[in-house]
Every structure is written in structure tokens, then in C-alpha cells.
């Protein structure tokens, strides 16, 4: 239950988005990322029911 509660709290606080940005900013600042080659998956983008 503790893990679920913490995950929920951190999700509401946008901890995952902030952590993702921090992790990507470090190699990005050194030119280590090629942003023209990226992928979006369902972990990052919510899939809506009945969406287009």
C-alpha cells in the first residue's frame, strides 16, 4: 500500500515528468541527444478511449 500511495502522490506532484526532464537535460546540454529521432509511447502519453 505504501508503494501505491507514494506512486500516486509522486504522479500528482509531477515527480516523474520532472525526473524525466532532468535525466534528458544533462546529455542534451552536451549535444548528446538527437531530438529528430524520438518516440512517444503510452507511458508518456495518455491513450483516450474513443480518441481519433
C-alpha atoms as a PDB file:
ATOM      1  CA  UNK A   1       0.000   0.000   0.000  1.00  0.00           C
ATOM      2  CA  UNK A   2       2.870   2.382   0.766  1.00  0.00           C
ATOM      3  CA  UNK A   3       4.341   1.965  -2.713  1.00  0.00           C
ATOM      4  CA  UNK A   4       0.952   2.622  -4.321  1.00  0.00           C
ATOM      5  CA  UNK A   5       0.368   5.700  -2.154  1.00  0.00           C
ATOM      6  CA  UNK A   6       3.820   7.118  -2.910  1.00  0.00           C
ATOM      7  CA  UNK A   7       3.429   6.426  -6.632  1.00  0.00           C
ATOM      8  CA  UNK A   8       0.079   8.238  -6.613  1.00  0.00           C
ATOM      9  CA  UNK A   9       1.454  11.202  -4.645  1.00  0.00           C
ATOM     10  CA  UNK A  10       4.518  11.497  -6.872  1.00  0.00           C
ATOM     11  CA  UNK A  11       2.386  11.276 -10.002  1.00  0.00           C
ATOM     12  CA  UNK A  12       0.148  14.113  -8.780  1.00  0.00           C
ATOM     13  CA  UNK A  13       3.249  16.150  -7.906  1.00  0.00           C
ATOM     14  CA  UNK A  14       4.613  15.543 -11.440  1.00  0.00           C
ATOM     15  CA  UNK A  15       7.778  13.972  -9.999  1.00  0.00           C
ATOM     16  CA  UNK A  16       8.083  11.601 -12.975  1.00  0.00           C
ATOM     17  CA  UNK A  17       7.898  14.434 -15.536  1.00  0.00           C
ATOM     18  CA  UNK A  18      10.470  16.476 -13.600  1.00  0.00           C
ATOM     19  CA  UNK A  19      12.791  13.481 -13.257  1.00  0.00           C
ATOM     20  CA  UNK A  20      12.433  12.676 -16.951  1.00  0.00           C
ATOM     21  CA  UNK A  21      13.348  16.273 -17.847  1.00  0.00           C
ATOM     22  CA  UNK A  22      16.377  16.273 -15.513  1.00  0.00           C
ATOM     23  CA  UNK A  23      17.642  12.998 -16.955  1.00  0.00           C
ATOM     24  CA  UNK A  24      17.299  14.274 -20.532  1.00  0.00           C
ATOM     25  CA  UNK A  25      18.669  17.785 -19.887  1.00  0.00           C
ATOM     26  CA  UNK A  26      22.092  16.500 -18.837  1.00  0.00           C
ATOM     27  CA  UNK A  27      23.011  14.718 -22.105  1.00  0.00           C
ATOM     28  CA  UNK A  28      21.032  17.300 -24.070  1.00  0.00           C
ATOM     29  CA  UNK A  29      23.211  20.119 -22.765  1.00  0.00           C
ATOM     30  CA  UNK A  30      26.283  18.279 -24.119  1.00  0.00           C
ATOM     31  CA  UNK A  31      24.709  17.717 -27.528  1.00  0.00           C
ATOM     32  CA  UNK A  32      24.289  14.026 -26.743  1.00  0.00           C
ATOM     33  CA  UNK A  33      20.656  13.821 -27.834  1.00  0.00           C
ATOM     34  CA  UNK A  34      19.292  13.813 -31.347  1.00  0.00           C
ATOM     35  CA  UNK A  35      15.773  15.191 -30.865  1.00  0.00           C
ATOM     36  CA  UNK A  36      14.912  14.429 -34.507  1.00  0.00           C
ATOM     37  CA  UNK A  37      14.896  10.742 -33.509  1.00  0.00           C
ATOM     38  CA  UNK A  38      12.456  10.260 -30.704  1.00  0.00           C
ATOM     39  CA  UNK A  39       9.498   8.069 -29.854  1.00  0.00           C
ATOM     40  CA  UNK A  40       6.400   8.545 -27.741  1.00  0.00           C
ATOM     41  CA  UNK A  41       4.894   5.577 -26.002  1.00  0.00           C
ATOM     42  CA  UNK A  42       1.859   5.026 -23.830  1.00  0.00           C
ATOM     43  CA  UNK A  43       3.909   5.524 -20.676  1.00  0.00           C
ATOM     44  CA  UNK A  44       4.339   9.205 -21.591  1.00  0.00           C
ATOM     45  CA  UNK A  45       1.122   9.947 -23.449  1.00  0.00           C
ATOM     46  CA  UNK A  46      -2.326   9.062 -22.161  1.00  0.00           C
ATOM     47  CA  UNK A  47      -4.415   6.998 -24.574  1.00  0.00           C
ATOM     48  CA  UNK A  48      -8.030   8.180 -24.501  1.00  0.00           C
ATOM     49  CA  UNK A  49     -10.887   5.809 -25.114  1.00  0.00           C
ATOM     50  CA  UNK A  50     -12.544   6.530 -28.435  1.00  0.00           C
ATOM     51  CA  UNK A  51      -9.866   9.059 -29.420  1.00  0.00           C
ATOM     52  CA  UNK A  52      -9.110   9.822 -33.017  1.00  0.00           C
END
